[in-house]
Amino acid sequence: MGFRYVVRQAKPEDCGDILRLIKELPSMKENPDQVVKNTEQGSLMRRNPTVKGTTVAYAMYFCAYSTWIGKLLYLEDLFIQPSHRGKGLGKAMVCKVAQ
């Protein structure tokens, strides 16, 4: 039986779950308190999929403008909990962010 994922824009109340996932990043294991300041500034509002109401992944991105290229999108992080990988969730998230 597969999971049913919902990919949606993050809400302010999701910040705690997103922070939990950020701390699961291998690069954050050594210094998990590094992201607390950003949480307090409210800058963790990005796409995050849920399954049964639990956040299992997030995509952190921003839009920018280049003199030579024009509009562009920069994907900073795409994290999916290991137990939810290999199920097409990453592709779904990238497609949703690109919209």
N, C-alpha and C. Protein backbone atom coordinates (compact mmCIF):
# COMPACT_ATOMS: atom_id res chain seq x y z
N MET A 1 0.84 -1.17 0.00
CA MET A 1 0.00 0.00 0.00
C MET A 1 0.89 1.24 0.00
N GLY A 2 0.70 2.14 -0.97
CA GLY A 2 1.53 3.33 -1.10
C GLY A 2 1.00 4.50 -0.29
N PHE A 3 1.86 5.48 -0.17
CA PHE A 3 1.48 6.71 0.53
C PHE A 3 0.82 7.66 -0.45
N ARG A 4 -0.02 8.52 0.05
CA ARG A 4 -0.61 9.60 -0.75
C ARG A 4 0.02 10.90 -0.26
N TYR A 5 0.79 11.52 -1.14
CA TYR A 5 1.50 12.75 -0.78
C TYR A 5 0.71 13.97 -1.22
N VAL A 6 0.79 15.03 -0.44
CA VAL A 6 0.21 16.32 -0.79
C VAL A 6 1.36 17.32 -0.82
N VAL A 7 1.64 17.89 -2.00
CA VAL A 7 2.69 18.90 -2.13
C VAL A 7 2.00 20.25 -2.14
N ARG A 8 2.37 21.10 -1.17
CA ARG A 8 1.70 22.40 -1.03
C ARG A 8 2.68 23.45 -0.52
N GLN A 9 2.26 24.69 -0.64
CA GLN A 9 3.04 25.80 -0.10
C GLN A 9 3.05 25.68 1.42
N ALA A 10 4.20 25.91 2.01
CA ALA A 10 4.31 25.84 3.47
C ALA A 10 3.52 26.97 4.12
N LYS A 11 3.09 26.72 5.34
CA LYS A 11 2.36 27.70 6.15
C LYS A 11 3.22 28.04 7.37
N PRO A 12 2.97 29.16 8.03
CA PRO A 12 3.76 29.52 9.21
C PRO A 12 3.82 28.39 10.25
N GLU A 13 2.72 27.68 10.41
CA GLU A 13 2.71 26.60 11.42
C GLU A 13 3.56 25.40 11.02
N ASP A 14 4.06 25.35 9.79
CA ASP A 14 4.92 24.26 9.33
C ASP A 14 6.39 24.46 9.70
N CYS A 15 6.74 25.65 10.17
CA CYS A 15 8.16 25.96 10.42
C CYS A 15 8.83 24.96 11.36
N GLY A 16 8.14 24.51 12.38
CA GLY A 16 8.73 23.53 13.30
C GLY A 16 9.06 22.23 12.60
N ASP A 17 8.16 21.75 11.75
CA ASP A 17 8.41 20.51 11.00
C ASP A 17 9.55 20.69 10.00
N ILE A 18 9.58 21.84 9.33
CA ILE A 18 10.65 22.09 8.36
C ILE A 18 11.99 22.17 9.08
N LEU A 19 12.03 22.81 10.22
CA LEU A 19 13.26 22.89 11.01
C LEU A 19 13.73 21.49 11.40
N ARG A 20 12.80 20.63 11.78
CA ARG A 20 13.14 19.25 12.13
C ARG A 20 13.79 18.54 10.94
N LEU A 21 13.25 18.73 9.75
CA LEU A 21 13.81 18.10 8.55
C LEU A 21 15.17 18.69 8.19
N ILE A 22 15.33 20.00 8.34
CA ILE A 22 16.62 20.62 8.05
C ILE A 22 17.70 20.03 8.95
N LYS A 23 17.34 19.77 10.19
CA LYS A 23 18.32 19.20 11.12
C LYS A 23 18.69 17.77 10.77
N GLU A 24 17.89 17.12 9.88
CA GLU A 24 18.23 15.77 9.41
C GLU A 24 19.24 15.80 8.27
N LEU A 25 19.47 16.97 7.67
CA LEU A 25 20.46 17.07 6.60
C LEU A 25 21.83 16.67 7.15
N PRO A 26 22.58 15.87 6.40
CA PRO A 26 23.92 15.48 6.88
C PRO A 26 24.79 16.69 7.21
N SER A 27 24.68 17.77 6.44
CA SER A 27 25.50 18.95 6.69
C SER A 27 25.10 19.69 7.97
N MET A 28 23.92 19.42 8.50
CA MET A 28 23.45 20.11 9.70
C MET A 28 23.68 19.30 10.98
N LYS A 29 24.08 18.05 10.84
CA LYS A 29 24.25 17.19 12.02
C LYS A 29 25.26 17.78 13.01
N GLU A 30 26.31 18.45 12.48
CA GLU A 30 27.35 18.98 13.35
C GLU A 30 26.95 20.28 14.03
N ASN A 31 26.06 21.07 13.42
CA ASN A 31 25.69 22.37 13.97
C ASN A 31 24.20 22.65 13.75
N PRO A 32 23.32 21.89 14.42
CA PRO A 32 21.88 22.03 14.18
C PRO A 32 21.29 23.37 14.61
N ASP A 33 21.96 24.10 15.48
CA ASP A 33 21.42 25.39 15.94
C ASP A 33 21.64 26.51 14.93
N GLN A 34 22.37 26.23 13.88
CA GLN A 34 22.69 27.24 12.86
C GLN A 34 21.43 27.79 12.18
N VAL A 35 20.37 27.00 12.08
CA VAL A 35 19.17 27.44 11.37
C VAL A 35 18.13 28.11 12.26
N VAL A 36 18.33 28.12 13.55
CA VAL A 36 17.33 28.68 14.46
C VAL A 36 17.06 30.15 14.17
N LYS A 37 18.09 30.93 13.90
CA LYS A 37 17.93 32.36 13.62
C LYS A 37 17.02 32.56 12.41
N ASN A 38 17.19 31.77 11.36
CA ASN A 38 16.35 31.91 10.18
C ASN A 38 14.89 31.59 10.48
N THR A 39 14.66 30.62 11.35
CA THR A 39 13.29 30.27 11.73
C THR A 39 12.62 31.45 12.42
N GLU A 40 13.37 32.11 13.30
CA GLU A 40 12.82 33.26 14.02
C GLU A 40 12.49 34.41 13.07
N GLN A 41 13.20 34.50 11.95
CA GLN A 41 12.96 35.56 10.98
C GLN A 41 11.85 35.19 10.00
N GLY A 42 11.31 33.99 10.12
CA GLY A 42 10.20 33.58 9.27
C GLY A 42 10.60 33.27 7.84
N SER A 43 11.83 32.82 7.62
CA SER A 43 12.28 32.60 6.25
C SER A 43 12.26 31.13 5.84
N LEU A 44 11.41 30.33 6.45
CA LEU A 44 11.32 28.92 6.08
C LEU A 44 10.02 28.61 5.36
N MET A 45 9.51 29.54 4.60
CA MET A 45 8.24 29.36 3.91
C MET A 45 8.47 28.85 2.50
N ARG A 46 8.41 27.56 2.31
CA ARG A 46 8.63 26.96 1.00
C ARG A 46 7.71 25.78 0.83
N ARG A 47 7.85 25.07 -0.29
CA ARG A 47 7.00 23.91 -0.57
C ARG A 47 7.36 22.78 0.39
N ASN A 48 6.35 22.11 0.90
CA ASN A 48 6.62 20.93 1.71
C ASN A 48 5.49 19.93 1.57
N PRO A 49 5.83 18.69 1.22
CA PRO A 49 4.81 17.66 1.10
C PRO A 49 4.52 16.98 2.43
N THR A 50 3.28 16.59 2.56
CA THR A 50 2.87 15.89 3.77
C THR A 50 2.25 14.56 3.40
N VAL A 51 2.33 13.63 4.34
CA VAL A 51 1.62 12.36 4.22
C VAL A 51 0.94 12.15 5.57
N LYS A 52 -0.35 11.97 5.54
CA LYS A 52 -1.15 11.82 6.76
C LYS A 52 -0.90 12.97 7.73
N GLY A 53 -0.76 14.17 7.20
CA GLY A 53 -0.58 15.36 8.03
C GLY A 53 0.81 15.58 8.57
N THR A 54 1.77 14.72 8.24
CA THR A 54 3.14 14.85 8.71
C THR A 54 4.04 15.32 7.58
N THR A 55 4.82 16.36 7.82
CA THR A 55 5.75 16.85 6.80
C THR A 55 6.90 15.86 6.66
N VAL A 56 7.12 15.38 5.42
CA VAL A 56 8.15 14.37 5.17
C VAL A 56 9.24 14.87 4.24
N ALA A 57 9.09 16.08 3.71
CA ALA A 57 10.07 16.63 2.78
C ALA A 57 9.87 18.14 2.67
N TYR A 58 10.88 18.81 2.13
CA TYR A 58 10.72 20.23 1.85
C TYR A 58 11.64 20.62 0.70
N ALA A 59 11.27 21.69 0.03
CA ALA A 59 12.10 22.30 -1.01
C ALA A 59 12.24 23.77 -0.64
N MET A 60 13.47 24.22 -0.52
CA MET A 60 13.72 25.62 -0.22
C MET A 60 14.30 26.26 -1.48
N TYR A 61 13.67 27.33 -1.95
CA TYR A 61 14.06 27.94 -3.21
C TYR A 61 13.78 29.43 -3.17
N PHE A 62 14.33 30.12 -4.15
CA PHE A 62 13.99 31.53 -4.31
C PHE A 62 14.10 31.91 -5.78
N CYS A 63 13.38 32.94 -6.14
CA CYS A 63 13.42 33.46 -7.50
C CYS A 63 14.41 34.61 -7.55
N ALA A 64 15.06 34.76 -8.68
CA ALA A 64 16.04 35.82 -8.86
C ALA A 64 15.97 36.32 -10.30
N TYR A 65 16.78 37.31 -10.60
CA TYR A 65 16.84 37.85 -11.95
C TYR A 65 18.30 38.01 -12.35
N SER A 66 18.62 37.55 -13.54
CA SER A 66 19.97 37.66 -14.08
C SER A 66 19.95 38.60 -15.28
N THR A 67 20.93 39.47 -15.37
CA THR A 67 21.04 40.38 -16.50
C THR A 67 21.10 39.62 -17.82
N TRP A 68 21.78 38.47 -17.83
CA TRP A 68 21.99 37.71 -19.06
C TRP A 68 20.92 36.66 -19.31
N ILE A 69 20.35 36.12 -18.27
CA ILE A 69 19.39 35.02 -18.42
C ILE A 69 17.95 35.48 -18.24
N GLY A 70 17.74 36.48 -17.42
CA GLY A 70 16.39 36.91 -17.08
C GLY A 70 15.95 36.25 -15.78
N LYS A 71 14.66 35.91 -15.69
CA LYS A 71 14.14 35.28 -14.48
C LYS A 71 14.75 33.89 -14.31
N LEU A 72 15.05 33.56 -13.07
CA LEU A 72 15.53 32.21 -12.78
C LEU A 72 15.08 31.78 -11.41
N LEU A 73 15.12 30.50 -11.19
CA LEU A 73 14.73 29.92 -9.91
C LEU A 73 15.93 29.16 -9.37
N TYR A 74 16.28 29.41 -8.12
CA TYR A 74 17.41 28.75 -7.48
C TYR A 74 16.87 27.80 -6.42
N LEU A 75 17.15 26.52 -6.59
CA LEU A 75 16.73 25.51 -5.62
C LEU A 75 17.86 25.32 -4.61
N GLU A 76 17.66 25.80 -3.42
CA GLU A 76 18.67 25.75 -2.35
C GLU A 76 18.75 24.36 -1.73
N ASP A 77 17.61 23.81 -1.34
CA ASP A 77 17.56 22.50 -0.70
C ASP A 77 16.36 21.72 -1.22
N LEU A 78 16.54 20.44 -1.35
CA LEU A 78 15.45 19.51 -1.61
C LEU A 78 15.74 18.31 -0.73
N PHE A 79 14.96 18.14 0.32
CA PHE A 79 15.21 17.06 1.27
C PHE A 79 13.96 16.21 1.40
N ILE A 80 14.15 14.91 1.30
CA ILE A 80 13.07 13.93 1.48
C ILE A 80 13.56 12.91 2.50
N GLN A 81 12.76 12.64 3.50
CA GLN A 81 13.16 11.64 4.48
C GLN A 81 13.46 10.32 3.76
N PRO A 82 14.50 9.62 4.20
CA PRO A 82 14.92 8.39 3.52
C PRO A 82 13.79 7.39 3.27
N SER A 83 12.88 7.24 4.20
CA SER A 83 11.80 6.25 4.04
C SER A 83 10.79 6.64 2.96
N HIS A 84 10.87 7.87 2.45
CA HIS A 84 9.93 8.33 1.42
C HIS A 84 10.61 8.57 0.08
N ARG A 85 11.88 8.20 -0.03
CA ARG A 85 12.62 8.38 -1.28
C ARG A 85 12.31 7.26 -2.27
N GLY A 86 12.53 7.54 -3.55
CA GLY A 86 12.33 6.53 -4.59
C GLY A 86 10.88 6.30 -4.96
N LYS A 87 10.02 7.24 -4.62
CA LYS A 87 8.58 7.07 -4.87
C LYS A 87 8.03 8.18 -5.77
N GLY A 88 8.92 8.93 -6.41
CA GLY A 88 8.48 10.00 -7.30
C GLY A 88 8.20 11.32 -6.63
N LEU A 89 8.45 11.40 -5.33
CA LEU A 89 8.16 12.63 -4.59
C LEU A 89 9.07 13.78 -5.01
N GLY A 90 10.35 13.49 -5.22
CA GLY A 90 11.29 14.53 -5.65
C GLY A 90 10.86 15.16 -6.96
N LYS A 91 10.49 14.33 -7.91
CA LYS A 91 10.02 14.83 -9.21
C LYS A 91 8.77 15.68 -9.04
N ALA A 92 7.84 15.22 -8.23
CA ALA A 92 6.60 15.98 -7.98
C ALA A 92 6.91 17.33 -7.35
N MET A 93 7.88 17.35 -6.44
CA MET A 93 8.23 18.61 -5.78
C MET A 93 8.88 19.59 -6.75
N VAL A 94 9.80 19.09 -7.57
CA VAL A 94 10.46 19.97 -8.54
C VAL A 94 9.44 20.53 -9.53
N CYS A 95 8.52 19.71 -9.98
CA CYS A 95 7.46 20.18 -10.89
C CYS A 95 6.60 21.25 -10.23
N LYS A 96 6.26 21.06 -8.97
CA LYS A 96 5.42 22.03 -8.24
C LYS A 96 6.17 23.34 -8.04
N VAL A 97 7.46 23.26 -7.68
CA VAL A 97 8.26 24.47 -7.49
C VAL A 97 8.38 25.23 -8.81
N ALA A 98 8.54 24.51 -9.91
CA ALA A 98 8.70 25.15 -11.22
C ALA A 98 7.44 25.89 -11.66
N GLN A 99 6.30 25.52 -11.13
CA GLN A 99 5.05 26.21 -11.49
C GLN A 99 5.08 27.61 -10.97
